[in-house]
Amino acid sequence: MRCFQKSTTLIATFASGAMFAASFTNAQTAVTAPLAPAQSKPIVAPQVERPLRLAIIGASASAGFGCFAVETREDGKYGAAVDLQRCVKLACTERACVVTDLASSLFFSAPVKRGEGQMTRALKSNPDGIIAIDYLFWYVYGFDGPTGDFLKDEEERAAKLELGLAQLALCPCPVVVGDLPDMSASVGKMLSSSQMPQLATIVKLNTRLKEWAASHPHVCIFPLAALSEKLRVESVIEINGVEWKATADEPLVQDDLLHPTARGLAGMAAVALKAIDPLLAEEFRAKCPADPAAIFQHIQKSLPKLPESRQQAKVPLSTP
C-alpha cells in the first residue's frame, strides 16, 4: 500500500513537472516566435490623369514670327515673344496639356521636306490631336515646285498640295488644318509676286481641300481664309458668338499684313481649339476653353519683366 502511494506520488510529481516544463517551453516559443503579419489593405496607387497631348505643325504664323506681347505696368515694361504653342498651353487650364511645337518660320524654304519632317516628329509624340493652321500654306504659295525646282506653272502648285495632303493622311488622330487664304495684300511687303498663287488657283485648291477633308472624318478645316480677311479688313473676328476686336494698342495683324499679332494669335488659337474639341476623345473635351479674351489675359499675366536695357524698346528683341 505504501509502495503504491509512493509510486502514485512520484508519478504525480513527475507529471506536474512535465506539465511545467511544457508550459515553459510553449511560453518561450510564443515569445521567440515571429509575430504573424497583420492583415492590411493592398496599396493602390492613385490614378493620375494623363495630360492632353497636342502637336503643332506649320509655318511662321504658328511659330509666332514677329509676334510679341508688350505691356506697360507701374514698375516698367513686361513682354515676351508669343507663338501658337504658348496660346494653346495658356488656354488649357483645366487639365495638364503637353504641346509639341514643331512649327517653323523657315517652312517656306523647303516646304515638302520640312512638312514631311514635321509630320514624322509630330506622330512620334503620339498626339491626341494635331493643329496645323498654316501647314498647307507653303505647299501652295512659294516659288518652288513639288520636286524643289523652280515652279513651272500653277498646276505644279496643285501637285505640291497633294504632297501635303498625303502627309496629313498619315495622321490617325484628329487634325485641324487651315485652308488657303488670299494674301495678295502682302505682296511687296512680305511676299514676292512669284510666291503668290493666282486667285483662281486658290479657289480651285480650296475646293480640292474640302473634298479631301470630307473623306477624312478626323479632319476639320480651320477657316484661315475667312479669318485672315476679317483680321485684315475688319479688324474683328467672331468666336462663339462674341466679337474679338482689335484695339488702338493691340491690332490683330502685323504691318506685313501676313502674320497675326499676339492678340490676333490668341483669337486664332481659340478658333483652332473650338474646331478640334469635338474630335478629341471624350475625356479631353472642353478642357481647353475657346475664349480669346481669357487666352490673351493669360498671355499678359505670364509676361516677364523686361531687362532695363529693353525698357525703352518698342518690342523685346527676343524672348526673355
Protein backbone atom coordinates (compact mmCIF):
# COMPACT_ATOMS: atom_id res chain seq x y z
CA MET A 1 0.00 0.00 0.00
CA ARG A 2 2.77 2.44 0.90
CA CYS A 3 4.61 1.44 -2.22
CA PHE A 4 1.55 2.19 -4.28
CA GLN A 5 1.07 5.56 -2.63
CA LYS A 6 4.73 6.39 -3.06
CA SER A 7 4.58 5.42 -6.70
CA THR A 8 1.47 7.47 -7.17
CA THR A 9 3.15 10.46 -5.56
CA LEU A 10 6.24 10.11 -7.76
CA ILE A 11 4.10 9.84 -10.88
CA ALA A 12 2.09 12.90 -9.86
CA THR A 13 5.26 14.83 -9.10
CA PHE A 14 6.79 13.81 -12.44
CA ALA A 15 3.60 14.69 -14.31
CA SER A 16 3.35 18.10 -12.71
CA GLY A 17 6.99 18.74 -13.51
CA ALA A 18 6.48 17.70 -17.13
CA MET A 19 3.47 20.00 -17.39
CA PHE A 20 5.51 22.89 -16.03
CA ALA A 21 8.30 22.19 -18.48
CA ALA A 22 5.84 22.03 -21.34
CA SER A 23 4.20 25.28 -20.27
CA PHE A 24 7.59 26.99 -20.02
CA THR A 25 8.59 25.70 -23.43
CA ASN A 26 5.33 26.88 -25.01
CA ALA A 27 5.67 30.31 -23.40
CA GLN A 28 9.26 30.60 -24.60
CA THR A 29 8.21 29.62 -28.09
CA ALA A 30 5.45 32.19 -28.02
CA VAL A 31 7.94 34.88 -27.04
CA THR A 32 10.62 33.98 -29.53
CA ALA A 33 8.38 33.09 -32.48
CA PRO A 34 7.90 35.92 -35.04
CA LEU A 35 4.57 37.66 -34.94
CA ALA A 36 2.19 36.80 -37.77
CA PRO A 37 1.87 39.69 -40.23
CA ALA A 38 -1.21 41.81 -39.66
CA GLN A 39 -3.81 41.79 -42.39
CA SER A 40 -3.60 45.12 -44.29
CA LYS A 41 -5.39 46.55 -47.29
CA PRO A 42 -3.45 46.43 -50.57
CA ILE A 43 -1.79 49.69 -51.52
CA VAL A 44 -3.46 51.17 -54.57
CA ALA A 45 -1.55 53.81 -56.47
CA PRO A 46 -3.62 56.96 -57.01
CA GLN A 47 -4.87 57.41 -60.53
CA VAL A 48 -3.19 60.33 -62.28
CA GLU A 49 -4.95 61.94 -65.21
CA ARG A 50 -2.96 61.62 -68.39
CA PRO A 51 -2.25 65.00 -69.92
CA LEU A 52 -3.78 66.06 -73.20
CA ARG A 53 -1.12 65.75 -75.90
CA LEU A 54 -1.27 68.16 -78.83
CA ALA A 55 1.21 68.76 -81.64
CA ILE A 56 1.53 71.97 -83.64
CA ILE A 57 2.87 71.82 -87.18
CA GLY A 58 3.07 74.63 -89.69
CA ALA A 59 4.85 77.78 -90.71
CA SER A 60 5.66 81.25 -89.44
CA ALA A 61 2.21 82.27 -88.17
CA SER A 62 2.10 79.26 -85.84
CA ALA A 63 5.76 79.82 -84.95
CA GLY A 64 4.97 83.39 -83.86
CA PHE A 65 7.09 85.22 -86.43
CA GLY A 66 7.40 88.87 -85.31
CA CYS A 67 4.74 88.27 -82.66
CA PHE A 68 5.37 89.97 -79.33
CA ALA A 69 3.21 90.95 -76.42
CA VAL A 70 4.31 94.05 -74.52
CA GLU A 71 2.56 95.59 -71.55
CA THR A 72 3.46 98.71 -69.57
CA ARG A 73 2.85 98.48 -65.83
CA GLU A 74 3.58 100.84 -62.96
CA ASP A 75 7.02 99.33 -62.39
CA GLY A 76 8.05 99.11 -66.04
CA LYS A 77 7.55 97.10 -69.21
CA TYR A 78 6.73 93.42 -69.43
CA GLY A 79 7.00 91.45 -72.65
CA ALA A 80 7.79 88.23 -74.47
CA ALA A 81 7.55 86.52 -77.81
CA VAL A 82 4.23 84.74 -78.39
CA ASP A 83 3.56 81.71 -80.57
CA LEU A 84 0.65 79.33 -81.02
CA GLN A 85 2.09 76.86 -78.54
CA ARG A 86 2.06 79.49 -75.79
CA CYS A 87 -1.55 80.41 -76.59
CA VAL A 88 -2.73 76.79 -76.53
CA LYS A 89 -0.96 75.93 -73.28
CA LEU A 90 -2.32 79.04 -71.58
CA ALA A 91 -5.83 78.14 -72.76
CA CYS A 92 -5.69 74.67 -71.22
CA THR A 93 -6.08 75.48 -67.53
CA GLU A 94 -8.46 72.66 -66.53
CA ARG A 95 -6.14 69.81 -67.45
CA ALA A 96 -2.42 69.33 -67.97
CA CYS A 97 -1.54 69.80 -71.60
CA VAL A 98 1.69 68.80 -73.32
CA VAL A 99 2.18 70.71 -76.57
CA THR A 100 4.85 69.58 -79.01
CA ASP A 101 5.72 72.66 -81.06
CA LEU A 102 7.19 71.84 -84.47
CA ALA A 103 6.13 74.97 -86.38
CA SER A 104 8.95 76.80 -88.14
CA SER A 105 9.41 80.24 -89.68
CA LEU A 106 11.71 78.54 -92.23
CA PHE A 107 8.96 76.29 -93.58
CA PHE A 108 8.86 78.38 -96.81
CA SER A 109 12.45 77.50 -97.68
CA ALA A 110 11.71 73.79 -98.33
CA PRO A 111 8.02 73.08 -97.66
CA VAL A 112 7.93 69.49 -98.94
CA LYS A 113 10.99 68.44 -96.95
CA ARG A 114 10.11 70.42 -93.83
CA GLY A 115 6.48 69.36 -93.95
CA GLU A 116 7.47 65.69 -94.05
CA GLY A 117 9.93 66.18 -91.20
CA GLN A 118 7.39 67.96 -89.03
CA MET A 119 4.82 65.25 -89.57
CA THR A 120 7.29 62.47 -88.74
CA ARG A 121 8.23 64.15 -85.47
CA ALA A 122 4.63 65.01 -84.64
CA LEU A 123 3.49 61.39 -84.97
CA LYS A 124 6.36 60.23 -82.77
CA SER A 125 4.90 62.35 -79.95
CA ASN A 126 1.75 60.19 -80.08
CA PRO A 127 -0.60 63.21 -80.01
CA ASP A 128 -4.30 63.23 -79.18
CA GLY A 129 -4.71 65.93 -81.81
CA ILE A 130 -2.72 67.99 -84.32
CA ILE A 131 -3.18 71.70 -85.01
CA ALA A 132 -1.98 72.62 -88.49
CA ILE A 133 -3.33 76.12 -89.11
CA ASP A 134 -0.77 77.17 -91.73
CA TYR A 135 0.74 73.78 -92.58
CA LEU A 136 -0.54 73.77 -96.18
CA PHE A 137 0.21 77.44 -96.88
CA TRP A 138 3.65 76.92 -98.44
CA TYR A 139 2.52 73.77 -100.21
CA VAL A 140 0.64 76.21 -102.48
CA TYR A 141 2.44 79.53 -102.03
CA GLY A 142 6.12 79.96 -102.83
CA PHE A 143 8.24 79.74 -105.96
CA ASP A 144 9.23 76.08 -105.75
CA GLY A 145 7.55 73.11 -107.39
CA PRO A 146 6.82 69.66 -105.93
CA THR A 147 10.37 68.44 -106.61
CA GLY A 148 12.03 71.52 -105.13
CA ASP A 149 12.90 73.00 -108.52
CA PHE A 150 11.66 76.42 -109.60
CA LEU A 151 7.90 76.43 -110.09
CA LYS A 152 6.89 75.95 -113.75
CA ASP A 153 3.15 76.63 -113.67
CA GLU A 154 0.06 76.74 -111.48
CA GLU A 155 -0.56 73.02 -111.97
CA GLU A 156 2.60 72.34 -110.01
CA ARG A 157 1.05 74.18 -107.08
CA ALA A 158 -1.77 71.66 -107.22
CA ALA A 159 0.73 68.79 -107.36
CA LYS A 160 2.60 70.20 -104.36
CA LEU A 161 -0.65 70.46 -102.39
CA GLU A 162 -1.26 66.74 -102.95
CA LEU A 163 2.06 66.03 -101.22
CA GLY A 164 0.88 67.98 -98.20
CA LEU A 165 -2.46 66.17 -98.14
CA ALA A 166 -0.61 62.84 -98.29
CA GLN A 167 1.29 63.81 -95.15
CA LEU A 168 -1.91 64.80 -93.33
CA ALA A 169 -3.47 61.47 -94.33
CA LEU A 170 -0.85 59.73 -92.18
CA CYS A 171 -2.43 61.14 -89.02
CA PRO A 172 -4.51 58.63 -87.04
CA CYS A 173 -5.64 61.37 -84.65
CA PRO A 174 -7.87 64.46 -85.09
CA VAL A 175 -6.37 67.22 -87.23
CA VAL A 176 -7.35 70.86 -87.64
CA VAL A 177 -5.86 72.13 -90.90
CA GLY A 178 -6.15 75.63 -92.28
CA ASP A 179 -7.47 76.33 -95.76
CA LEU A 180 -5.72 78.66 -98.21
CA PRO A 181 -6.08 82.43 -97.69
CA ASP A 182 -5.72 85.22 -100.21
CA MET A 183 -2.60 87.04 -99.06
CA SER A 184 -2.20 89.26 -102.11
CA ALA A 185 -2.25 92.33 -99.85
CA SER A 186 1.12 91.22 -98.51
CA VAL A 187 2.82 91.15 -101.93
CA GLY A 188 5.54 93.76 -101.87
CA LYS A 189 5.62 93.71 -98.06
CA MET A 190 6.48 90.14 -97.05
CA LEU A 191 5.64 88.14 -100.18
CA SER A 192 7.08 88.47 -103.67
CA SER A 193 4.84 88.28 -106.73
CA SER A 194 6.43 84.95 -107.74
CA GLN A 195 5.37 83.42 -104.43
CA MET A 196 1.75 84.43 -104.86
CA PRO A 197 -0.63 81.91 -106.48
CA GLN A 198 -3.30 83.09 -108.89
CA LEU A 199 -6.60 83.73 -107.14
CA ALA A 200 -8.27 81.14 -109.36
CA THR A 201 -5.71 78.59 -108.14
CA ILE A 202 -6.53 79.38 -104.51
CA VAL A 203 -10.25 78.87 -105.16
CA LYS A 204 -9.62 75.63 -107.02
CA LEU A 205 -7.32 74.18 -104.38
CA ASN A 206 -9.60 75.15 -101.52
CA THR A 207 -12.32 73.15 -103.27
CA ARG A 208 -9.92 70.23 -103.52
CA LEU A 209 -9.10 70.54 -99.80
CA LYS A 210 -12.79 70.45 -98.83
CA GLU A 211 -13.33 67.35 -100.97
CA TRP A 212 -10.34 65.65 -99.40
CA ALA A 213 -11.40 66.55 -95.85
CA ALA A 214 -14.90 65.18 -96.50
CA SER A 215 -13.40 61.72 -96.94
CA HIS A 216 -11.32 62.01 -93.76
CA PRO A 217 -13.70 62.21 -90.75
CA HIS A 218 -10.91 63.00 -88.30
CA VAL A 219 -10.04 66.20 -90.20
CA CYS A 220 -11.60 69.60 -89.57
CA ILE A 221 -10.88 72.63 -91.76
CA PHE A 222 -9.74 75.77 -89.97
CA PRO A 223 -11.23 78.80 -91.82
CA LEU A 224 -7.90 80.58 -92.29
CA ALA A 225 -9.06 82.29 -95.50
CA ALA A 226 -12.13 83.89 -93.92
CA LEU A 227 -10.36 84.74 -90.67
CA SER A 228 -7.40 86.33 -92.43
CA GLU A 229 -9.74 88.52 -94.45
CA LYS A 230 -11.65 89.61 -91.36
CA LEU A 231 -8.48 90.23 -89.40
CA ARG A 232 -7.03 92.38 -92.16
CA VAL A 233 -10.10 94.24 -93.41
CA GLU A 234 -12.49 94.45 -90.47
CA SER A 235 -10.03 94.06 -87.59
CA VAL A 236 -12.52 91.78 -85.86
CA ILE A 237 -13.39 88.11 -85.76
CA GLU A 238 -16.33 86.34 -84.18
CA ILE A 239 -15.80 83.37 -81.90
CA ASN A 240 -18.64 81.57 -80.17
CA GLY A 241 -20.94 84.48 -80.99
CA VAL A 242 -18.58 87.00 -79.37
CA GLU A 243 -16.59 89.58 -81.33
CA TRP A 244 -12.84 89.72 -80.77
CA LYS A 245 -11.73 93.17 -81.90
CA ALA A 246 -8.51 95.00 -82.44
CA THR A 247 -7.70 97.94 -80.17
CA ALA A 248 -5.65 101.05 -80.74
CA ASP A 249 -2.69 99.48 -78.95
CA GLU A 250 -3.33 95.89 -79.99
CA PRO A 251 -4.13 95.28 -83.70
CA LEU A 252 -4.89 91.77 -84.86
CA VAL A 253 -2.49 91.72 -87.82
CA GLN A 254 1.10 92.92 -88.11
CA ASP A 255 2.14 95.63 -90.57
CA ASP A 256 3.24 92.99 -93.09
CA LEU A 257 -0.47 92.02 -93.48
CA LEU A 258 0.59 88.39 -93.30
CA HIS A 259 1.26 87.48 -89.69
CA PRO A 260 -1.04 87.87 -86.68
CA THR A 261 -0.16 89.89 -83.60
CA ALA A 262 -0.33 88.37 -80.13
CA ARG A 263 -3.96 89.47 -79.88
CA GLY A 264 -4.73 88.02 -83.31
CA LEU A 265 -2.94 84.77 -82.49
CA ALA A 266 -4.99 84.43 -79.29
CA GLY A 267 -8.12 84.62 -81.45
CA MET A 268 -6.81 82.06 -83.93
CA ALA A 269 -5.86 79.70 -81.09
CA ALA A 270 -9.40 79.94 -79.73
CA VAL A 271 -10.88 79.06 -83.13
CA ALA A 272 -8.49 76.11 -83.51
CA LEU A 273 -9.36 74.75 -80.05
CA LYS A 274 -13.07 75.10 -80.72
CA ALA A 275 -12.63 73.23 -84.01
CA ILE A 276 -10.64 70.31 -82.59
CA ASP A 277 -12.65 69.90 -79.38
CA PRO A 278 -15.49 67.70 -80.72
CA LEU A 279 -12.95 65.45 -82.46
CA LEU A 280 -10.97 64.69 -79.29
CA ALA A 281 -11.54 61.70 -77.02
CA GLU A 282 -14.38 62.41 -74.61
CA GLU A 283 -12.09 62.70 -71.57
CA PHE A 284 -10.32 65.68 -73.14
CA ARG A 285 -13.27 67.65 -74.43
CA ALA A 286 -13.98 71.13 -73.05
CA LYS A 287 -10.61 71.14 -71.25
CA CYS A 288 -9.20 73.99 -73.36
CA PRO A 289 -11.81 76.79 -73.45
CA ALA A 290 -12.06 78.63 -76.77
CA ASP A 291 -12.10 82.09 -75.23
CA PRO A 292 -9.72 84.57 -76.90
CA ALA A 293 -10.14 87.15 -74.13
CA ALA A 294 -9.13 84.61 -71.48
CA ILE A 295 -6.18 83.38 -73.57
CA PHE A 296 -4.93 86.93 -74.14
CA GLN A 297 -5.37 87.74 -70.45
CA HIS A 298 -3.30 84.69 -69.53
CA ILE A 299 -0.64 85.85 -72.01
CA GLN A 300 -0.45 89.26 -70.37
CA LYS A 301 -0.27 87.80 -66.86
CA SER A 302 2.54 85.45 -67.89
CA LEU A 303 4.80 88.17 -69.32
CA PRO A 304 8.16 88.53 -67.58
CA LYS A 305 9.58 91.94 -66.78
CA LEU A 306 11.95 93.21 -69.45
CA PRO A 307 15.56 93.97 -68.52
CA GLU A 308 16.46 97.63 -68.12
CA SER A 309 18.26 97.55 -71.48
CA ARG A 310 14.94 96.83 -73.22
CA GLN A 311 12.67 99.10 -71.25
CA GLN A 312 12.90 101.83 -73.90
CA ALA A 313 12.49 99.49 -76.86
CA LYS A 314 9.13 99.24 -78.62
CA VAL A 315 9.29 95.42 -78.53
CA PRO A 316 11.79 92.99 -76.99
CA LEU A 317 14.49 91.84 -79.37
CA SER A 318 13.93 88.19 -78.45
CA THR A 319 12.17 86.01 -75.96
CA PRO A 320 13.49 86.95 -72.49
